[in-house]
Protein backbone atom coordinates (compact mmCIF):
# COMPACT_ATOMS: atom_id res chain seq x y z
CA MET A 1 25.34 -16.36 -8.89
CA GLU A 2 26.65 -13.46 -6.82
CA TRP A 3 28.05 -14.34 -3.40
CA LEU A 4 28.09 -12.02 -0.41
CA SER A 5 30.39 -12.64 2.51
CA ARG A 6 28.87 -12.67 5.97
CA LYS A 7 30.30 -9.22 6.67
CA GLU A 8 28.79 -7.85 3.45
CA TRP A 9 25.32 -9.22 3.92
CA GLU A 10 25.22 -8.42 7.63
CA GLN A 11 25.91 -4.77 6.82
CA GLN A 12 23.10 -4.68 4.28
CA ALA A 13 20.70 -6.48 6.58
CA ALA A 14 21.46 -4.08 9.45
CA ALA A 15 21.00 -1.04 7.22
CA HIS A 16 17.63 -2.39 6.07
CA GLY A 17 16.47 -2.95 9.65
CA ASP A 18 17.61 0.52 10.68
CA ARG A 19 15.79 2.08 7.73
CA LEU A 20 12.47 0.58 8.77
CA LEU A 21 12.80 0.88 12.54
CA PRO A 22 11.28 4.41 12.67
CA TYR A 23 8.09 2.97 11.16
CA VAL A 24 7.99 -0.43 12.85
CA GLY A 25 9.17 0.61 16.32
CA PRO A 26 6.32 3.02 17.15
CA HIS A 27 3.74 0.56 15.82
CA LEU A 28 5.04 -2.22 18.07
CA GLN A 29 5.04 0.16 21.05
CA ARG A 30 1.43 1.15 20.35
CA ARG A 31 0.46 -2.49 20.03
CA ARG A 32 2.02 -3.31 23.40
CA SER A 33 0.17 -0.35 24.91
CA GLY A 34 -3.15 -1.19 23.29
CA VAL A 35 -3.22 2.14 21.44
CA ARG A 36 -4.62 2.41 17.92
CA HIS A 37 -3.47 4.85 15.26
CA PRO A 38 -6.01 5.39 12.44
CA VAL A 39 -3.32 6.34 9.91
CA HIS A 40 -0.06 4.55 10.68
CA ASP A 41 -1.41 1.16 11.79
CA PHE A 42 -2.98 0.53 8.41
CA LEU A 43 0.06 -0.90 6.61
CA PHE A 44 0.60 -3.37 9.47
CA THR A 45 -3.02 -4.45 9.96
CA TYR A 46 -4.68 -4.31 6.55
CA TYR A 47 -1.75 -5.95 4.78
CA SER A 48 -0.55 -9.40 5.81
CA HIS A 49 3.19 -8.65 6.01
CA ARG A 50 4.15 -8.64 9.68
CA PRO A 51 6.63 -6.10 11.10
CA ALA A 52 9.28 -8.77 11.69
CA GLN A 53 8.91 -9.93 8.09
CA LEU A 54 9.27 -6.39 6.82
CA ARG A 55 12.52 -5.82 8.73
CA LEU A 56 14.03 -9.16 7.63
CA TRP A 57 16.40 -8.46 4.76
CA HIS A 58 16.55 -10.61 1.61
CA PRO A 59 19.02 -10.14 -1.23
CA GLY A 60 16.71 -11.61 -3.86
CA TYR A 61 17.05 -14.51 -6.25
CA GLY A 62 20.49 -14.80 -7.81
CA VAL A 63 22.43 -13.75 -4.71
CA ALA A 64 23.85 -16.26 -2.23
CA LEU A 65 24.77 -15.53 1.37
CA ALA A 66 27.90 -17.11 2.79
CA ASP A 67 27.85 -18.43 6.34
CA ALA A 68 24.15 -17.66 6.84
CA PRO A 69 22.56 -20.25 9.14
CA GLU A 70 19.91 -17.63 10.04
CA TYR A 71 18.35 -18.18 6.62
CA ALA A 72 18.25 -21.97 6.84
CA GLY A 73 14.66 -23.13 6.79
CA LEU A 74 13.21 -19.83 5.60
CA LYS A 75 10.66 -20.00 2.82
CA GLY A 76 12.33 -20.58 -0.54
CA TYR A 77 15.89 -20.90 0.76
CA ALA A 78 18.51 -23.62 0.55
CA ASP A 79 22.24 -23.21 1.11
CA GLY A 80 21.96 -19.47 1.65
CA THR A 81 20.07 -18.64 -1.53
CA VAL A 82 16.56 -18.67 -3.00
CA THR A 83 16.21 -21.85 -5.03
CA ASP A 84 15.31 -22.33 -8.67
CA GLU A 85 12.55 -24.69 -7.56
CA PHE A 86 10.92 -22.06 -5.37
CA VAL A 87 10.97 -19.47 -8.14
CA ALA A 88 9.44 -21.98 -10.56
CA SER A 89 6.67 -22.71 -8.05
CA GLN A 90 5.76 -19.02 -7.98
CA ARG A 91 5.23 -18.68 -11.73
CA PRO A 92 1.42 -18.22 -11.51
CA LEU A 93 1.90 -15.36 -9.04
CA LEU A 94 4.64 -13.80 -11.15
CA GLU A 95 2.57 -13.92 -14.31
CA SER A 96 -0.58 -12.54 -12.68
CA LEU A 97 1.29 -9.67 -11.05
CA ARG A 98 3.11 -8.85 -14.28
CA ARG A 99 -0.23 -8.70 -16.09
CA LEU A 100 -1.81 -6.45 -13.47
CA LEU A 101 1.16 -4.10 -13.15
CA ARG A 102 1.58 -3.75 -16.91
CA ALA A 103 -2.12 -3.04 -17.41
CA THR A 104 -2.12 -0.44 -14.63
CA ALA A 105 0.94 1.32 -16.04
CA GLU A 106 -0.53 1.44 -19.54
CA ARG A 107 -3.88 2.92 -18.48
CA PRO A 108 -4.32 6.72 -18.45
CA ALA A 109 -4.12 8.25 -14.97
CA ASN A 110 -7.43 9.53 -13.56
CA PHE A 111 -7.06 12.54 -11.30
CA GLY A 112 -10.79 13.14 -10.88
CA CYS A 113 -11.75 10.88 -7.98
CA PHE A 114 -10.83 13.38 -5.22
CA GLY A 115 -10.59 10.65 -2.59
CA MET A 116 -14.33 10.07 -2.48
CA HIS A 117 -13.79 6.36 -1.76
CA GLU A 118 -13.24 7.08 1.95
CA TRP A 119 -16.42 9.15 2.06
CA ALA A 120 -18.41 6.39 0.37
CA MET A 121 -17.23 4.00 3.08
CA VAL A 122 -19.17 5.97 5.70
CA TYR A 123 -22.13 7.08 3.62
CA ARG A 124 -25.37 6.98 5.63
CA LEU A 125 -23.64 5.57 8.69
CA SER A 126 -23.94 7.13 12.10
CA GLU A 127 -20.66 8.33 13.56
CA ASP A 128 -20.43 5.39 15.96
CA GLU A 129 -20.77 2.93 13.06
CA THR A 130 -17.73 4.12 11.12
CA ARG A 131 -14.46 2.18 10.99
CA HIS A 132 -12.65 4.89 12.97
CA SER A 133 -15.48 5.70 15.34
CA ALA A 134 -13.07 7.16 17.92
CA TRP A 135 -12.62 10.08 15.53
CA PRO A 136 -15.55 12.33 14.57
CA LEU A 137 -16.62 13.17 11.04
CA ARG A 138 -15.53 16.71 10.17
CA LEU A 139 -18.89 17.62 8.67
CA GLY A 140 -21.03 15.28 10.75
CA ALA A 141 -22.99 12.39 9.29
CA ALA A 142 -25.50 14.51 7.38
CA GLY A 143 -22.83 16.83 5.98
CA THR A 144 -20.72 13.86 4.89
CA ASP A 145 -23.69 12.31 3.10
CA THR A 146 -24.30 15.58 1.26
CA VAL A 147 -20.72 15.60 -0.03
CA VAL A 148 -21.06 12.06 -1.36
CA GLU A 149 -24.37 12.86 -3.02
CA SER A 150 -22.96 15.97 -4.70
CA HIS A 151 -19.97 14.24 -6.30
CA ARG A 152 -19.49 11.78 -9.13
CA ILE A 153 -18.06 8.63 -7.53
CA ALA A 154 -15.66 6.79 -9.86
CA CYS A 155 -13.59 4.37 -7.80
CA SER A 156 -11.57 1.93 -9.92
CA HIS A 157 -10.01 -0.10 -7.12
CA PHE A 158 -11.85 -3.20 -5.98
CA ASP A 159 -10.35 -3.29 -2.49
CA ALA A 160 -11.64 0.22 -1.86
CA TYR A 161 -14.96 -0.27 -3.61
CA ARG A 162 -15.78 -3.41 -1.64
CA PHE A 163 -15.86 -1.35 1.56
CA PHE A 164 -18.45 1.10 0.24
CA THR A 165 -21.61 1.07 2.32
CA PRO A 166 -24.57 -0.71 0.70
CA ALA A 167 -26.16 2.68 0.03
CA ALA A 168 -23.01 4.04 -1.63
CA ALA A 169 -22.05 1.05 -3.81
CA PRO A 170 -24.69 1.68 -6.52
CA MET A 171 -23.49 5.30 -6.79
CA ASN A 172 -20.09 4.22 -8.14
CA THR A 173 -19.89 4.66 -11.90
CA LEU A 174 -17.58 1.61 -12.14
CA ARG A 175 -18.04 -1.98 -11.00
CA PRO A 176 -14.51 -3.29 -10.31
CA THR A 177 -14.23 -6.92 -9.29
CA ALA A 178 -11.42 -8.96 -7.78
CA ALA A 179 -11.11 -11.06 -10.93
CA GLU A 180 -11.00 -8.06 -13.26
CA ARG A 181 -8.41 -5.87 -11.54
CA PRO A 182 -6.26 -5.52 -14.71
CA ALA A 183 -9.28 -4.06 -16.51
CA TYR A 184 -9.81 -1.28 -13.94
CA GLU A 185 -6.74 -0.27 -11.94
CA GLN A 186 -5.04 2.96 -12.98
CA PRO A 187 -1.79 4.62 -11.90
CA ALA A 188 -3.20 7.71 -10.15
CA CYS A 189 -5.29 5.64 -7.73
CA LEU A 190 -3.97 6.00 -4.18
CA HIS A 191 -4.86 2.41 -3.32
CA ALA A 192 -3.12 1.10 -6.43
CA GLY A 193 -0.06 3.03 -5.28
CA MET A 194 -0.23 1.59 -1.77
CA ASP A 195 -0.68 -1.87 -3.22
CA LEU A 196 2.76 -1.69 -4.80
CA TYR A 197 3.94 -2.56 -1.30
CA LYS A 198 1.64 -5.59 -1.24
CA HIS A 199 2.87 -6.76 -4.63
CA ALA A 200 6.47 -6.33 -3.50
CA PHE A 201 6.18 -8.32 -0.29
CA ARG A 202 4.31 -11.07 -2.09
CA LEU A 203 7.45 -11.45 -4.21
CA THR A 204 9.60 -11.88 -1.10
CA PRO A 205 12.17 -13.49 -0.88
CA MET A 206 12.65 -13.51 -4.65
CA ILE A 207 13.30 -9.76 -4.88
CA SER A 208 15.59 -7.47 -2.95
CA SER A 209 14.19 -6.07 0.28
CA ASP A 210 15.40 -2.66 -0.86
CA LEU A 211 12.57 -2.62 -3.40
CA VAL A 212 10.08 -3.77 -0.77
CA ALA A 213 11.19 -0.92 1.51
CA ASP A 214 10.91 1.62 -1.31
CA CYS A 215 7.33 0.51 -1.94
CA PHE A 216 6.56 0.54 1.79
CA GLU A 217 7.73 4.13 2.17
CA LEU A 218 5.60 5.21 -0.79
CA ALA A 219 2.58 3.44 0.71
CA TRP A 220 3.25 5.12 4.07
CA ASP A 221 3.17 8.58 2.52
CA ILE A 222 0.11 7.80 0.41
CA ARG A 223 -1.77 6.60 3.47
CA VAL A 224 -1.21 9.97 5.13
CA LEU A 225 -2.86 11.78 2.21
CA ASP A 226 -5.61 9.16 2.04
CA MET A 227 -6.64 9.87 5.62
CA ARG A 228 -6.08 13.62 5.52
CA ALA A 229 -8.57 13.69 2.63
CA ALA A 230 -10.98 11.34 4.41
CA PRO A 231 -14.11 12.65 6.16
CA TYR A 232 -12.66 12.12 9.65
CA ASP A 233 -11.45 14.98 11.80
CA LEU A 234 -7.88 13.96 12.66
CA SER A 235 -6.66 17.48 13.37
CA GLY A 236 -5.96 16.61 17.01
CA LEU A 237 -3.87 13.56 16.15
CA ASP A 238 -0.08 13.69 16.62
CA ASP A 239 0.04 17.40 17.45
CA GLY A 240 -1.78 18.50 14.32
CA ALA A 241 0.18 16.39 11.83
CA PHE A 242 -2.99 15.42 9.96
CA GLU A 243 -4.70 18.67 9.11
CA PRO A 244 -7.48 17.88 6.63
CA VAL A 245 -7.31 18.19 2.89
CA ARG A 246 -10.82 19.55 2.37
CA VAL A 247 -11.70 17.76 -0.84
CA GLU A 248 -15.26 19.05 -0.62
CA THR A 249 -13.85 22.47 -1.66
CA ALA A 250 -12.15 23.63 -4.86
CA ALA A 251 -8.94 24.46 -3.00
CA GLY A 252 -8.92 21.06 -1.32
CA LYS A 253 -9.44 19.29 -4.63
CA ALA A 254 -6.49 21.15 -6.14
CA GLU A 255 -4.30 20.23 -3.15
CA TYR A 256 -5.35 16.60 -3.42
CA VAL A 257 -4.67 16.36 -7.15
CA GLU A 258 -1.24 17.95 -6.79
CA ALA A 259 -0.26 15.38 -4.16
CA GLN A 260 -1.86 12.59 -6.19
CA ARG A 261 0.24 13.52 -9.22
CA GLY A 262 3.38 13.41 -7.11
CA PHE A 263 2.56 9.93 -5.85
CA ALA A 264 1.77 8.71 -9.38
CA GLU A 265 5.19 9.96 -10.47
CA ARG A 266 6.88 8.23 -7.52
CA GLY A 267 4.97 5.02 -8.14
CA ALA A 268 5.71 4.71 -11.86
CA PRO A 269 9.39 3.66 -11.55
CA LEU A 270 8.58 1.32 -8.67
CA ARG A 271 5.87 -0.34 -10.74
CA ALA A 272 8.36 -0.65 -13.61
CA ARG A 273 10.94 -2.23 -11.30
CA LEU A 274 8.37 -4.77 -10.10
CA VAL A 275 7.47 -5.61 -13.70
CA ALA A 276 11.14 -6.05 -14.53
CA GLU A 277 11.57 -8.37 -11.55
CA CYS A 278 8.58 -10.46 -12.61
CA GLU A 279 10.03 -10.77 -16.10
CA ARG A 280 13.46 -11.68 -14.78
CA LEU A 281 12.02 -14.34 -12.51
CA VAL A 282 9.68 -15.81 -15.11
CA GLY A 283 12.72 -16.16 -17.37
C-alpha cells in the first residue's frame, strides 16, 4: 500500500481539477444559460459520468490517502483507500471489460466506414426531425439520403447502429448487438475510441483519475471529428471551429481516414492501460 500525505494528494487532486476545468466549466455555464452545444455537450449528456464526478480525483486501488475525510462515505472507500471488498465486488465488470477491450485491440482496424453512421441516423428524416434540428443538413434531406444510398454502410458499433433510422438499419452490412460487442468492435471505430472514456469512468474509483482524464481528452477530440464529418452544417458554430469534413468527396474521405488513423494510434495505448488495470484488479 502506498500512502500519500494530505499535501501530496491535495496537489494531485487540484491539478486534476484544473486540467478538466476548461472542458467542464463552459459546459456548466451553458447549462445554467439553457444553451445547447451539439458537439461539446455530448460527453456530459450521452455518458452517465457527471461533471463533478469527472473532476473528483481518485488515486486508484492500492493507494491510501492520509487525513482525507472528504473521501469518507464515497463509493468503494474506507479509511482513505479503495477496499479489497469493493474491488472483489466489481469482478464481473472487470472481466467483461477486459474481454471487450482485448477483443477490440486484436481485431484489424477498419478505415472504410467514412463516418456514415451519423448520416444513417438522419436517413429519410426531414430536417426538423433530426437530433440536432437547430442545425441544418449541409446537403439538405434529399442530398443526405443520396449520400447514404451511394455508400456501403458497415458500422460495427452497436451504440451507433441502434440510432440508425428504421429505413437505414437494414442497409448496414453488419448486425452488431449489445450482447455481442466483443465480436464486432474494432480499434479504428470513432465510437469505440470515445467509449474508452466510458470504460475508464466505470472503473472509478479503482483506477487513477489520470487515466480517466486521458481517455476523456481523447473522446473530446474524437467527438469533434465525428460531428465535423456528420451531415450537419456546423460551420457557423464557435466562429467557424467546425468546418465540415466532406466525407461525401474523395478529399473528405482522405481527410477523415488520416484523422481516424491518428485517433486509433492514440487510443491503442489507452486501451492497453485499461486492460492492464483490469488484469491488476482481477488479480
